[in-house]
Each structure stands twice: as structure tokens, then as C-alpha cells.
Amino acid sequence: MADEPQTEDPMVAALLRERAGYVQRGLDDRVAAVDEQLKLRGHTPPDQDATLRETDPPRRRTRPKSTTAKD
């Protein structure tokens, strides 16, 4: 995550994270909507190729291991 652009504005940071998720899932209409919001806040949207990297691992939640014994 060190490659992500840093910003002091928490709204811009949240929009950039949201945009990255939409790019990963191929939701171009939503990417465009987030880009519009970024522009309204004075931030230039990143290039799509720079946002989506093949080397990034998928972010999936895993189930916690059960700590109780089953009878």
C-alpha cells in the first residue's frame, strides 16, 4: 500500500479506496462517478492502469477458526 498516493483529506482517501475496488471489479460506471467526485474536490483521478495491479493479493475476509470443541 506504500504505492498509493497519500492525501491529507480523508474524503479523497476514501474515494481513492472506493475507486480502486470498482476498478478491480470492472465497474466502469461507478469509477466514472467516483472520478467526478474526486474532480469536485480538486483531486486528479489516477490512471486506471496504475490503480489495478496484477501483483496485489485479493482482499478477502476469512472465517475465524472456532475455539470451541464440538461433541
N, C-alpha and C. Protein backbone atom coordinates (compact mmCIF):
# COMPACT_ATOMS: atom_id res chain seq x y z
N MET A 1 0.80 -1.18 0.00
CA MET A 1 0.00 0.00 0.00
C MET A 1 0.85 1.26 0.00
N ALA A 2 2.13 1.11 0.06
CA ALA A 2 3.01 2.26 0.05
C ALA A 2 2.98 2.97 -1.30
N ASP A 3 2.52 2.28 -2.36
CA ASP A 3 2.46 2.88 -3.68
C ASP A 3 1.26 3.80 -3.85
N GLU A 4 0.28 3.73 -2.95
CA GLU A 4 -0.91 4.55 -3.06
C GLU A 4 -0.58 6.00 -2.78
N PRO A 5 -1.21 6.92 -3.54
CA PRO A 5 -0.96 8.33 -3.27
C PRO A 5 -1.48 8.71 -1.89
N GLN A 6 -0.72 9.53 -1.21
CA GLN A 6 -1.09 9.96 0.13
C GLN A 6 -1.82 11.29 0.04
N THR A 7 -2.82 11.48 0.87
CA THR A 7 -3.56 12.73 0.90
C THR A 7 -3.92 13.05 2.34
N GLU A 8 -4.05 14.32 2.62
CA GLU A 8 -4.45 14.77 3.95
C GLU A 8 -5.97 14.76 4.10
N ASP A 9 -6.69 14.78 2.99
CA ASP A 9 -8.15 14.84 3.01
C ASP A 9 -8.72 13.43 3.16
N PRO A 10 -9.39 13.14 4.27
CA PRO A 10 -9.92 11.78 4.47
C PRO A 10 -10.98 11.40 3.44
N MET A 11 -11.74 12.37 2.93
CA MET A 11 -12.76 12.07 1.92
C MET A 11 -12.10 11.63 0.61
N VAL A 12 -11.03 12.31 0.21
CA VAL A 12 -10.31 11.93 -1.00
C VAL A 12 -9.69 10.55 -0.82
N ALA A 13 -9.13 10.29 0.34
CA ALA A 13 -8.54 8.97 0.61
C ALA A 13 -9.59 7.88 0.51
N ALA A 14 -10.77 8.13 1.05
CA ALA A 14 -11.86 7.15 0.99
C ALA A 14 -12.32 6.94 -0.45
N LEU A 15 -12.42 8.02 -1.20
CA LEU A 15 -12.83 7.91 -2.60
C LEU A 15 -11.80 7.13 -3.41
N LEU A 16 -10.52 7.32 -3.13
CA LEU A 16 -9.48 6.58 -3.85
C LEU A 16 -9.56 5.09 -3.55
N ARG A 17 -9.84 4.73 -2.29
CA ARG A 17 -10.00 3.31 -1.94
C ARG A 17 -11.24 2.73 -2.62
N GLU A 18 -12.32 3.50 -2.60
CA GLU A 18 -13.56 3.05 -3.24
C GLU A 18 -13.34 2.85 -4.74
N ARG A 19 -12.63 3.80 -5.36
CA ARG A 19 -12.36 3.73 -6.80
C ARG A 19 -11.54 2.50 -7.14
N ALA A 20 -10.53 2.20 -6.32
CA ALA A 20 -9.68 1.03 -6.57
C ALA A 20 -10.51 -0.25 -6.55
N GLY A 21 -11.47 -0.34 -5.65
CA GLY A 21 -12.34 -1.52 -5.60
C GLY A 21 -13.20 -1.64 -6.84
N TYR A 22 -13.73 -0.52 -7.31
CA TYR A 22 -14.55 -0.55 -8.52
C TYR A 22 -13.73 -0.92 -9.74
N VAL A 23 -12.50 -0.41 -9.82
CA VAL A 23 -11.63 -0.75 -10.95
C VAL A 23 -11.34 -2.24 -10.94
N GLN A 24 -11.06 -2.79 -9.76
CA GLN A 24 -10.76 -4.22 -9.64
C GLN A 24 -11.92 -5.08 -10.12
N ARG A 25 -13.15 -4.63 -9.84
CA ARG A 25 -14.33 -5.41 -10.23
C ARG A 25 -14.85 -5.05 -11.61
N GLY A 26 -14.23 -4.07 -12.27
CA GLY A 26 -14.64 -3.72 -13.62
C GLY A 26 -15.92 -2.91 -13.70
N LEU A 27 -16.24 -2.15 -12.66
CA LEU A 27 -17.47 -1.35 -12.63
C LEU A 27 -17.15 0.07 -13.14
N ASP A 28 -17.04 0.19 -14.47
CA ASP A 28 -16.61 1.44 -15.08
C ASP A 28 -17.54 2.62 -14.80
N ASP A 29 -18.85 2.36 -14.73
CA ASP A 29 -19.78 3.46 -14.47
C ASP A 29 -19.57 4.04 -13.07
N ARG A 30 -19.27 3.18 -12.12
CA ARG A 30 -19.02 3.67 -10.76
C ARG A 30 -17.66 4.35 -10.64
N VAL A 31 -16.68 3.85 -11.41
CA VAL A 31 -15.37 4.51 -11.43
C VAL A 31 -15.54 5.94 -11.93
N ALA A 32 -16.35 6.11 -12.97
CA ALA A 32 -16.59 7.44 -13.52
C ALA A 32 -17.27 8.35 -12.50
N ALA A 33 -18.20 7.80 -11.73
CA ALA A 33 -18.89 8.59 -10.70
C ALA A 33 -17.92 9.03 -9.61
N VAL A 34 -17.03 8.13 -9.21
CA VAL A 34 -16.03 8.48 -8.18
C VAL A 34 -15.04 9.50 -8.75
N ASP A 35 -14.65 9.34 -10.01
CA ASP A 35 -13.75 10.31 -10.64
C ASP A 35 -14.36 11.71 -10.63
N GLU A 36 -15.66 11.77 -10.87
CA GLU A 36 -16.35 13.06 -10.84
C GLU A 36 -16.27 13.70 -9.45
N GLN A 37 -16.46 12.89 -8.42
CA GLN A 37 -16.38 13.40 -7.05
C GLN A 37 -14.95 13.84 -6.71
N LEU A 38 -13.97 13.08 -7.20
CA LEU A 38 -12.57 13.47 -6.96
C LEU A 38 -12.26 14.81 -7.62
N LYS A 39 -12.77 15.01 -8.84
CA LYS A 39 -12.54 16.27 -9.55
C LYS A 39 -13.19 17.43 -8.80
N LEU A 40 -14.39 17.21 -8.26
CA LEU A 40 -15.07 18.26 -7.50
C LEU A 40 -14.27 18.66 -6.27
N ARG A 41 -13.47 17.75 -5.75
CA ARG A 41 -12.65 18.03 -4.57
C ARG A 41 -11.23 18.47 -4.94
N GLY A 42 -11.00 18.72 -6.24
CA GLY A 42 -9.72 19.23 -6.68
C GLY A 42 -8.62 18.19 -6.80
N HIS A 43 -8.99 16.91 -6.89
CA HIS A 43 -8.00 15.83 -6.99
C HIS A 43 -8.10 15.20 -8.37
N THR A 44 -6.97 15.02 -9.03
CA THR A 44 -6.94 14.38 -10.34
C THR A 44 -7.01 12.87 -10.15
N PRO A 45 -8.00 12.21 -10.76
CA PRO A 45 -8.11 10.75 -10.62
C PRO A 45 -6.88 10.05 -11.18
N PRO A 46 -6.44 8.97 -10.54
CA PRO A 46 -5.28 8.23 -11.04
C PRO A 46 -5.61 7.48 -12.32
N ASP A 47 -4.57 7.12 -13.05
CA ASP A 47 -4.72 6.31 -14.26
C ASP A 47 -5.22 4.93 -13.87
N GLN A 48 -6.16 4.37 -14.64
CA GLN A 48 -6.72 3.06 -14.30
C GLN A 48 -5.65 1.97 -14.29
N ASP A 49 -4.70 2.03 -15.21
CA ASP A 49 -3.66 1.01 -15.26
C ASP A 49 -2.79 1.05 -14.01
N ALA A 50 -2.58 2.23 -13.46
CA ALA A 50 -1.77 2.36 -12.25
C ALA A 50 -2.55 1.90 -11.02
N THR A 51 -3.88 1.99 -11.08
CA THR A 51 -4.71 1.62 -9.93
C THR A 51 -4.80 0.12 -9.76
N LEU A 52 -4.95 -0.60 -10.86
CA LEU A 52 -5.13 -2.04 -10.80
C LEU A 52 -3.80 -2.72 -11.10
N ARG A 53 -3.30 -3.45 -10.12
CA ARG A 53 -2.03 -4.16 -10.30
C ARG A 53 -2.28 -5.64 -10.14
N GLU A 54 -1.71 -6.41 -11.04
CA GLU A 54 -1.87 -7.86 -11.01
C GLU A 54 -1.22 -8.47 -9.77
N THR A 55 -0.23 -7.79 -9.19
CA THR A 55 0.51 -8.37 -8.08
C THR A 55 -0.18 -8.18 -6.73
N ASP A 56 -1.19 -7.33 -6.69
CA ASP A 56 -1.90 -7.11 -5.43
C ASP A 56 -2.73 -8.35 -5.09
N PRO A 57 -2.62 -8.85 -3.87
CA PRO A 57 -3.42 -10.02 -3.49
C PRO A 57 -4.88 -9.61 -3.31
N PRO A 58 -5.80 -10.53 -3.56
CA PRO A 58 -7.20 -10.20 -3.33
C PRO A 58 -7.45 -9.98 -1.84
N ARG A 59 -8.31 -9.05 -1.55
CA ARG A 59 -8.63 -8.76 -0.15
C ARG A 59 -9.93 -9.45 0.19
N ARG A 60 -9.80 -10.58 0.85
CA ARG A 60 -10.97 -11.36 1.22
C ARG A 60 -10.97 -11.58 2.72
N ARG A 61 -12.16 -11.58 3.26
CA ARG A 61 -12.29 -11.89 4.69
C ARG A 61 -12.25 -13.40 4.85
N THR A 62 -11.62 -13.84 5.89
CA THR A 62 -11.58 -15.27 6.19
C THR A 62 -12.38 -15.52 7.45
N ARG A 63 -12.93 -16.71 7.53
CA ARG A 63 -13.69 -17.07 8.72
C ARG A 63 -12.74 -17.32 9.88
N PRO A 64 -13.10 -16.82 11.05
CA PRO A 64 -12.25 -17.11 12.21
C PRO A 64 -12.36 -18.57 12.59
N LYS A 65 -11.27 -19.12 13.07
CA LYS A 65 -11.27 -20.52 13.49
C LYS A 65 -12.06 -20.66 14.77
N SER A 66 -12.82 -21.72 14.84
CA SER A 66 -13.64 -21.96 16.02
C SER A 66 -12.75 -22.37 17.19
N THR A 67 -13.03 -21.81 18.34
CA THR A 67 -12.23 -22.14 19.53
C THR A 67 -12.97 -23.10 20.45
N THR A 68 -14.18 -23.46 20.09
CA THR A 68 -14.95 -24.39 20.92
C THR A 68 -14.86 -25.79 20.35
N ALA A 69 -14.83 -26.76 21.22
CA ALA A 69 -14.76 -28.16 20.79
C ALA A 69 -16.16 -28.66 20.47
N LYS A 70 -16.25 -29.42 19.40
CA LYS A 70 -17.55 -29.99 19.02
C LYS A 70 -17.66 -31.40 19.57
N ASP A 71 -18.82 -31.74 20.11
CA ASP A 71 -19.04 -33.08 20.67
C ASP A 71 -19.56 -34.02 19.63
